[in-house]
Amino acid sequence: MVGFDGQTASLAALRTAADLARRLGANLHVVHGVDVRDYPIDPDVAVEVWEGHAREALGHLDVQVRGALADHPGNWTYHASNGDPVRLLVTVADEQDALMIVVGTHRHRSLRRMTRRSVSRTLPKAAHRPVLLVADPGD
C-alpha cells in the first residue's frame, strides 16, 4: 500500500511500491487522504466552486496515478477519501491487510510544510505494520 499526494516524494514512493508489488506478486493499493488544507478556500466563494476545484484536483491526482502505473503488470486500486491522511492510511492498510505502507518523505524546507503535520513522521507511530519511507529524489 502506498500513500500518494501528488508531490515528487510520493511519486517516488508510488514507483517504489509498484516495483515491490510486482516483485512480490502483490496487489497495490494507492491511497490519497483528501485534506481541506490542500485546497485554497476563499470564504466568499460558493460551495459549488470549491467542490468543483476539489473534483478537478482529485482528477489531476487520478491522472498522475494512472500515468505512473500505466505499465504496472499487477492489480492496483485507488482510494481517495476525506479525512486525516494518517488515519486513512492506517485504516485502509488494516482493511486490506497490507504487507507494508510506503510513503514519500522530504526535508521540510518551507514554512508551510513545517507547520503541517508530517505524514511520514506520524505514520510509523500510528501504523500496526512496517512503514517504508522513500526519500524525495530532489532532496
N, C-alpha and C. Protein backbone atom coordinates (compact mmCIF):
# COMPACT_ATOMS: atom_id res chain seq x y z
N MET A 1 0.83 -1.16 0.00
CA MET A 1 0.00 0.00 0.00
C MET A 1 0.88 1.22 0.00
N VAL A 2 0.44 2.27 -0.71
CA VAL A 2 1.24 3.49 -0.82
C VAL A 2 0.35 4.71 -0.66
N GLY A 3 0.86 5.67 0.11
CA GLY A 3 0.19 6.96 0.24
C GLY A 3 0.63 7.87 -0.90
N PHE A 4 -0.31 8.61 -1.48
CA PHE A 4 0.01 9.45 -2.63
C PHE A 4 -0.66 10.80 -2.49
N ASP A 5 0.15 11.88 -2.65
CA ASP A 5 -0.42 13.22 -2.60
C ASP A 5 -0.02 14.09 -3.80
N GLY A 6 0.65 13.48 -4.77
CA GLY A 6 0.99 14.22 -5.98
C GLY A 6 2.34 14.91 -5.93
N GLN A 7 2.99 14.95 -4.78
CA GLN A 7 4.31 15.57 -4.66
C GLN A 7 5.38 14.62 -5.21
N THR A 8 6.57 15.15 -5.48
CA THR A 8 7.62 14.31 -6.05
C THR A 8 8.01 13.16 -5.13
N ALA A 9 7.99 13.39 -3.82
CA ALA A 9 8.33 12.31 -2.88
C ALA A 9 7.30 11.19 -2.95
N SER A 10 6.03 11.54 -3.08
CA SER A 10 5.01 10.48 -3.14
C SER A 10 5.02 9.78 -4.49
N LEU A 11 5.44 10.48 -5.54
CA LEU A 11 5.59 9.82 -6.84
C LEU A 11 6.73 8.80 -6.78
N ALA A 12 7.82 9.15 -6.10
CA ALA A 12 8.92 8.20 -5.90
C ALA A 12 8.44 7.01 -5.07
N ALA A 13 7.63 7.28 -4.05
CA ALA A 13 7.08 6.20 -3.22
C ALA A 13 6.16 5.31 -4.05
N LEU A 14 5.36 5.90 -4.93
CA LEU A 14 4.46 5.13 -5.79
C LEU A 14 5.26 4.20 -6.70
N ARG A 15 6.32 4.71 -7.28
CA ARG A 15 7.15 3.87 -8.16
C ARG A 15 7.81 2.74 -7.37
N THR A 16 8.29 3.06 -6.17
CA THR A 16 8.91 2.03 -5.32
C THR A 16 7.90 0.97 -4.92
N ALA A 17 6.71 1.40 -4.51
CA ALA A 17 5.67 0.46 -4.10
C ALA A 17 5.23 -0.42 -5.28
N ALA A 18 5.12 0.18 -6.46
CA ALA A 18 4.75 -0.61 -7.65
C ALA A 18 5.81 -1.65 -7.97
N ASP A 19 7.07 -1.28 -7.84
CA ASP A 19 8.16 -2.23 -8.08
C ASP A 19 8.12 -3.37 -7.06
N LEU A 20 7.91 -3.02 -5.78
CA LEU A 20 7.81 -4.06 -4.75
C LEU A 20 6.62 -4.98 -5.00
N ALA A 21 5.47 -4.40 -5.34
CA ALA A 21 4.28 -5.21 -5.61
C ALA A 21 4.52 -6.16 -6.78
N ARG A 22 5.18 -5.67 -7.83
CA ARG A 22 5.48 -6.51 -8.99
C ARG A 22 6.39 -7.67 -8.58
N ARG A 23 7.44 -7.36 -7.83
CA ARG A 23 8.39 -8.40 -7.43
C ARG A 23 7.77 -9.43 -6.49
N LEU A 24 6.84 -8.98 -5.65
CA LEU A 24 6.20 -9.88 -4.69
C LEU A 24 4.93 -10.53 -5.23
N GLY A 25 4.48 -10.11 -6.40
CA GLY A 25 3.23 -10.63 -6.94
C GLY A 25 2.04 -10.20 -6.11
N ALA A 26 2.11 -8.99 -5.54
CA ALA A 26 1.08 -8.50 -4.64
C ALA A 26 0.22 -7.44 -5.32
N ASN A 27 -0.98 -7.25 -4.81
CA ASN A 27 -1.83 -6.16 -5.25
C ASN A 27 -1.31 -4.86 -4.66
N LEU A 28 -1.52 -3.77 -5.38
CA LEU A 28 -1.08 -2.46 -4.93
C LEU A 28 -2.30 -1.60 -4.65
N HIS A 29 -2.32 -0.97 -3.48
CA HIS A 29 -3.41 -0.07 -3.10
C HIS A 29 -2.83 1.33 -2.94
N VAL A 30 -3.30 2.25 -3.77
CA VAL A 30 -2.85 3.65 -3.73
C VAL A 30 -3.91 4.42 -2.95
N VAL A 31 -3.45 5.19 -1.95
CA VAL A 31 -4.38 5.89 -1.05
C VAL A 31 -4.05 7.37 -1.01
N HIS A 32 -5.09 8.20 -1.16
CA HIS A 32 -4.94 9.65 -1.03
C HIS A 32 -5.95 10.15 -0.01
N GLY A 33 -5.44 10.82 1.00
CA GLY A 33 -6.29 11.43 2.01
C GLY A 33 -6.59 12.87 1.63
N VAL A 34 -7.81 13.13 1.23
CA VAL A 34 -8.21 14.48 0.84
C VAL A 34 -8.31 15.32 2.11
N ASP A 35 -7.56 16.38 2.15
CA ASP A 35 -7.49 17.24 3.32
C ASP A 35 -7.85 18.65 2.88
N VAL A 36 -8.77 19.29 3.56
CA VAL A 36 -9.21 20.63 3.15
C VAL A 36 -8.05 21.63 3.14
N ARG A 37 -7.00 21.36 3.90
CA ARG A 37 -5.84 22.26 3.88
C ARG A 37 -5.11 22.19 2.54
N ASP A 38 -5.38 21.16 1.73
CA ASP A 38 -4.74 21.03 0.43
C ASP A 38 -5.31 22.01 -0.60
N TYR A 39 -6.46 22.57 -0.33
CA TYR A 39 -7.13 23.42 -1.30
C TYR A 39 -7.28 24.84 -0.77
N PRO A 40 -6.99 25.82 -1.61
CA PRO A 40 -7.21 27.20 -1.17
C PRO A 40 -8.71 27.46 -1.06
N ILE A 41 -9.11 27.99 0.05
CA ILE A 41 -10.54 28.24 0.26
C ILE A 41 -10.75 29.72 0.50
N ASP A 42 -11.56 30.32 -0.33
CA ASP A 42 -11.96 31.71 -0.16
C ASP A 42 -13.32 31.68 0.54
N PRO A 43 -13.43 32.28 1.72
CA PRO A 43 -14.71 32.19 2.45
C PRO A 43 -15.88 32.82 1.71
N ASP A 44 -15.58 33.65 0.70
CA ASP A 44 -16.66 34.30 -0.04
C ASP A 44 -17.10 33.52 -1.29
N VAL A 45 -16.44 32.41 -1.57
CA VAL A 45 -16.75 31.63 -2.76
C VAL A 45 -17.84 30.61 -2.44
N ALA A 46 -18.71 30.39 -3.39
CA ALA A 46 -19.81 29.43 -3.21
C ALA A 46 -19.26 28.01 -3.06
N VAL A 47 -19.99 27.19 -2.33
CA VAL A 47 -19.60 25.80 -2.09
C VAL A 47 -19.40 25.05 -3.40
N GLU A 48 -20.24 25.33 -4.39
CA GLU A 48 -20.14 24.64 -5.68
C GLU A 48 -18.79 24.90 -6.35
N VAL A 49 -18.26 26.13 -6.18
CA VAL A 49 -16.97 26.46 -6.77
C VAL A 49 -15.87 25.66 -6.09
N TRP A 50 -15.91 25.59 -4.74
CA TRP A 50 -14.91 24.82 -4.02
C TRP A 50 -15.00 23.34 -4.38
N GLU A 51 -16.21 22.81 -4.45
CA GLU A 51 -16.37 21.40 -4.80
C GLU A 51 -15.85 21.12 -6.20
N GLY A 52 -16.06 22.05 -7.13
CA GLY A 52 -15.53 21.90 -8.48
C GLY A 52 -14.01 21.88 -8.48
N HIS A 53 -13.43 22.76 -7.67
CA HIS A 53 -11.97 22.80 -7.55
C HIS A 53 -11.46 21.48 -6.97
N ALA A 54 -12.13 20.96 -5.95
CA ALA A 54 -11.72 19.70 -5.33
C ALA A 54 -11.81 18.56 -6.34
N ARG A 55 -12.89 18.50 -7.11
CA ARG A 55 -13.03 17.45 -8.14
C ARG A 55 -11.91 17.55 -9.17
N GLU A 56 -11.58 18.77 -9.57
CA GLU A 56 -10.50 18.98 -10.53
C GLU A 56 -9.16 18.52 -9.97
N ALA A 57 -8.88 18.87 -8.72
CA ALA A 57 -7.62 18.47 -8.08
C ALA A 57 -7.54 16.95 -7.95
N LEU A 58 -8.64 16.31 -7.54
CA LEU A 58 -8.64 14.85 -7.42
C LEU A 58 -8.51 14.18 -8.79
N GLY A 59 -9.12 14.76 -9.80
CA GLY A 59 -8.98 14.23 -11.15
C GLY A 59 -7.54 14.29 -11.63
N HIS A 60 -6.85 15.39 -11.29
CA HIS A 60 -5.44 15.53 -11.65
C HIS A 60 -4.60 14.45 -10.96
N LEU A 61 -4.86 14.19 -9.68
CA LEU A 61 -4.13 13.14 -8.97
C LEU A 61 -4.40 11.77 -9.58
N ASP A 62 -5.65 11.51 -9.95
CA ASP A 62 -6.01 10.23 -10.58
C ASP A 62 -5.23 10.04 -11.89
N VAL A 63 -5.12 11.10 -12.68
CA VAL A 63 -4.36 11.04 -13.94
C VAL A 63 -2.89 10.75 -13.65
N GLN A 64 -2.31 11.38 -12.61
CA GLN A 64 -0.92 11.12 -12.24
C GLN A 64 -0.72 9.65 -11.87
N VAL A 65 -1.63 9.10 -11.07
CA VAL A 65 -1.51 7.71 -10.64
C VAL A 65 -1.62 6.78 -11.85
N ARG A 66 -2.62 7.01 -12.68
CA ARG A 66 -2.81 6.16 -13.86
C ARG A 66 -1.60 6.22 -14.79
N GLY A 67 -1.03 7.40 -14.96
CA GLY A 67 0.16 7.54 -15.80
C GLY A 67 1.35 6.80 -15.22
N ALA A 68 1.55 6.93 -13.91
CA ALA A 68 2.69 6.26 -13.27
C ALA A 68 2.54 4.75 -13.29
N LEU A 69 1.30 4.26 -13.27
CA LEU A 69 1.06 2.81 -13.21
C LEU A 69 0.62 2.22 -14.54
N ALA A 70 0.77 2.99 -15.63
CA ALA A 70 0.31 2.51 -16.95
C ALA A 70 0.96 1.19 -17.35
N ASP A 71 2.22 1.00 -16.99
CA ASP A 71 2.92 -0.23 -17.37
C ASP A 71 2.97 -1.25 -16.24
N HIS A 72 2.29 -0.97 -15.13
CA HIS A 72 2.32 -1.89 -13.99
C HIS A 72 1.53 -3.15 -14.35
N PRO A 73 2.19 -4.32 -14.29
CA PRO A 73 1.52 -5.54 -14.74
C PRO A 73 0.51 -6.12 -13.74
N GLY A 74 0.54 -5.69 -12.50
CA GLY A 74 -0.33 -6.28 -11.48
C GLY A 74 -1.61 -5.51 -11.27
N ASN A 75 -2.40 -6.01 -10.34
CA ASN A 75 -3.65 -5.36 -9.98
C ASN A 75 -3.37 -4.21 -9.03
N TRP A 76 -4.12 -3.12 -9.20
CA TRP A 76 -4.00 -2.00 -8.28
C TRP A 76 -5.34 -1.30 -8.14
N THR A 77 -5.50 -0.64 -7.00
CA THR A 77 -6.72 0.13 -6.74
C THR A 77 -6.32 1.52 -6.28
N TYR A 78 -7.24 2.46 -6.38
CA TYR A 78 -7.01 3.84 -5.97
C TYR A 78 -8.12 4.24 -5.00
N HIS A 79 -7.72 4.64 -3.80
CA HIS A 79 -8.67 5.07 -2.77
C HIS A 79 -8.44 6.55 -2.49
N ALA A 80 -9.48 7.36 -2.57
CA ALA A 80 -9.39 8.77 -2.19
C ALA A 80 -10.57 9.07 -1.28
N SER A 81 -10.27 9.55 -0.08
CA SER A 81 -11.33 9.85 0.88
C SER A 81 -10.97 11.08 1.68
N ASN A 82 -12.01 11.75 2.15
CA ASN A 82 -11.80 12.89 3.03
C ASN A 82 -11.30 12.42 4.37
N GLY A 83 -10.50 13.25 5.00
CA GLY A 83 -10.08 12.94 6.35
C GLY A 83 -8.58 12.98 6.53
N ASP A 84 -8.20 12.72 7.74
CA ASP A 84 -6.80 12.74 8.13
C ASP A 84 -6.03 11.67 7.36
N PRO A 85 -4.97 12.05 6.64
CA PRO A 85 -4.23 11.09 5.82
C PRO A 85 -3.65 9.92 6.63
N VAL A 86 -3.13 10.18 7.82
CA VAL A 86 -2.53 9.11 8.62
C VAL A 86 -3.60 8.10 9.02
N ARG A 87 -4.72 8.60 9.52
CA ARG A 87 -5.80 7.70 9.92
C ARG A 87 -6.31 6.89 8.74
N LEU A 88 -6.43 7.55 7.57
CA LEU A 88 -6.90 6.85 6.38
C LEU A 88 -5.92 5.76 5.96
N LEU A 89 -4.63 6.06 5.95
CA LEU A 89 -3.62 5.06 5.58
C LEU A 89 -3.67 3.85 6.51
N VAL A 90 -3.76 4.11 7.80
CA VAL A 90 -3.81 3.01 8.77
C VAL A 90 -5.08 2.19 8.57
N THR A 91 -6.21 2.84 8.37
CA THR A 91 -7.49 2.15 8.19
C THR A 91 -7.48 1.27 6.94
N VAL A 92 -7.04 1.84 5.81
CA VAL A 92 -7.03 1.06 4.56
C VAL A 92 -6.01 -0.08 4.66
N ALA A 93 -4.86 0.19 5.27
CA ALA A 93 -3.86 -0.88 5.44
C ALA A 93 -4.43 -2.03 6.26
N ASP A 94 -5.17 -1.71 7.31
CA ASP A 94 -5.77 -2.75 8.13
C ASP A 94 -6.87 -3.49 7.36
N GLU A 95 -7.70 -2.75 6.63
CA GLU A 95 -8.77 -3.37 5.85
C GLU A 95 -8.21 -4.30 4.77
N GLN A 96 -7.12 -3.91 4.15
CA GLN A 96 -6.52 -4.69 3.06
C GLN A 96 -5.47 -5.68 3.55
N ASP A 97 -5.21 -5.68 4.85
CA ASP A 97 -4.16 -6.50 5.44
C ASP A 97 -2.85 -6.31 4.67
N ALA A 98 -2.48 -5.05 4.51
CA ALA A 98 -1.30 -4.68 3.73
C ALA A 98 -0.02 -5.23 4.36
N LEU A 99 0.90 -5.64 3.51
CA LEU A 99 2.21 -6.10 3.96
C LEU A 99 3.00 -4.96 4.58
N MET A 100 2.89 -3.77 3.97
CA MET A 100 3.56 -2.59 4.48
C MET A 100 2.89 -1.35 3.89
N ILE A 101 3.24 -0.20 4.46
CA ILE A 101 2.77 1.08 3.95
C ILE A 101 4.00 1.83 3.46
N VAL A 102 3.93 2.30 2.22
CA VAL A 102 5.03 3.05 1.62
C VAL A 102 4.59 4.50 1.47
N VAL A 103 5.41 5.43 1.97
CA VAL A 103 5.12 6.86 1.81
C VAL A 103 6.41 7.60 1.47
N GLY A 104 6.24 8.72 0.81
CA GLY A 104 7.38 9.57 0.49
C GLY A 104 7.70 10.48 1.66
N THR A 105 8.95 10.91 1.71
CA THR A 105 9.37 11.85 2.74
C THR A 105 10.32 12.87 2.11
N HIS A 106 10.31 14.06 2.65
CA HIS A 106 11.17 15.12 2.12
C HIS A 106 11.61 16.00 3.28
N ARG A 107 12.63 16.76 3.02
CA ARG A 107 13.05 17.73 4.03
C ARG A 107 12.03 18.84 4.06
N HIS A 108 11.65 19.26 5.24
CA HIS A 108 10.63 20.30 5.40
C HIS A 108 11.30 21.67 5.33
N ARG A 109 11.43 22.18 4.10
CA ARG A 109 12.13 23.44 3.90
C ARG A 109 11.22 24.65 4.05
N SER A 110 10.02 24.58 3.56
CA SER A 110 9.15 25.76 3.59
C SER A 110 8.41 25.86 4.92
N LEU A 111 8.06 27.09 5.25
CA LEU A 111 7.30 27.33 6.48
C LEU A 111 5.96 26.59 6.43
N ARG A 112 5.33 26.56 5.26
CA ARG A 112 4.05 25.87 5.11
C ARG A 112 4.20 24.39 5.45
N ARG A 113 5.26 23.77 4.93
CA ARG A 113 5.47 22.34 5.21
C ARG A 113 5.83 22.10 6.66
N MET A 114 6.57 23.04 7.26
CA MET A 114 6.99 22.85 8.65
C MET A 114 5.80 22.98 9.61
N THR A 115 4.78 23.76 9.24
CA THR A 115 3.65 23.95 10.14
C THR A 115 2.60 22.86 9.99
N ARG A 116 2.65 22.09 8.92
CA ARG A 116 1.69 21.00 8.73
C ARG A 116 2.21 19.73 9.38
N ARG A 117 1.29 18.93 9.83
CA ARG A 117 1.67 17.64 10.41
C ARG A 117 2.26 16.75 9.33
N SER A 118 3.39 16.16 9.60
CA SER A 118 4.07 15.31 8.63
C SER A 118 3.54 13.89 8.69
N VAL A 119 3.03 13.41 7.56
CA VAL A 119 2.54 12.03 7.48
C VAL A 119 3.69 11.06 7.71
N SER A 120 4.85 11.34 7.10
CA SER A 120 5.98 10.41 7.21
C SER A 120 6.54 10.34 8.63
N ARG A 121 6.36 11.38 9.41
CA ARG A 121 6.82 11.34 10.81
C ARG A 121 5.78 10.73 11.75
N THR A 122 4.52 10.91 11.44
CA THR A 122 3.44 10.45 12.32
C THR A 122 3.05 9.01 12.05
N LEU A 123 3.07 8.60 10.79
CA LEU A 123 2.59 7.28 10.39
C LEU A 123 3.30 6.12 11.08
N PRO A 124 4.63 6.12 11.18
CA PRO A 124 5.28 4.96 11.83
C PRO A 124 4.82 4.73 13.27
N LYS A 125 4.42 5.79 13.96
CA LYS A 125 3.93 5.65 15.34
C LYS A 125 2.50 5.12 15.40
N ALA A 126 1.73 5.40 14.33
CA ALA A 126 0.32 5.04 14.33
C ALA A 126 0.02 3.70 13.66
N ALA A 127 0.89 3.28 12.77
CA ALA A 127 0.62 2.08 11.97
C ALA A 127 0.89 0.80 12.76
N HIS A 128 0.17 -0.24 12.39
CA HIS A 128 0.32 -1.56 13.02
C HIS A 128 1.13 -2.50 12.13
N ARG A 129 1.89 -1.92 11.23
CA ARG A 129 2.66 -2.71 10.27
C ARG A 129 3.87 -1.89 9.84
N PRO A 130 4.82 -2.50 9.13
CA PRO A 130 6.02 -1.78 8.72
C PRO A 130 5.68 -0.59 7.80
N VAL A 131 6.46 0.47 7.94
CA VAL A 131 6.33 1.65 7.10
C VAL A 131 7.67 1.86 6.40
N LEU A 132 7.62 1.96 5.07
CA LEU A 132 8.81 2.22 4.28
C LEU A 132 8.78 3.68 3.84
N LEU A 133 9.80 4.45 4.23
CA LEU A 133 9.89 5.86 3.85
C LEU A 133 10.81 5.97 2.63
N VAL A 134 10.32 6.61 1.58
CA VAL A 134 11.08 6.79 0.34
C VAL A 134 11.43 8.26 0.23
N ALA A 135 12.72 8.54 0.12
CA ALA A 135 13.19 9.93 0.06
C ALA A 135 12.83 10.59 -1.25
N ASP A 136 12.55 11.88 -1.17
CA ASP A 136 12.32 12.71 -2.34
C ASP A 136 13.61 12.73 -3.15
N PRO A 137 13.56 12.34 -4.42
CA PRO A 137 14.80 12.30 -5.22
C PRO A 137 15.43 13.68 -5.39
N GLY A 138 14.68 14.74 -5.16
CA GLY A 138 15.21 16.09 -5.31
C GLY A 138 15.95 16.59 -4.08
N ASP A 139 15.84 15.87 -2.96
CA ASP A 139 16.50 16.30 -1.72
C ASP A 139 17.94 15.86 -1.68
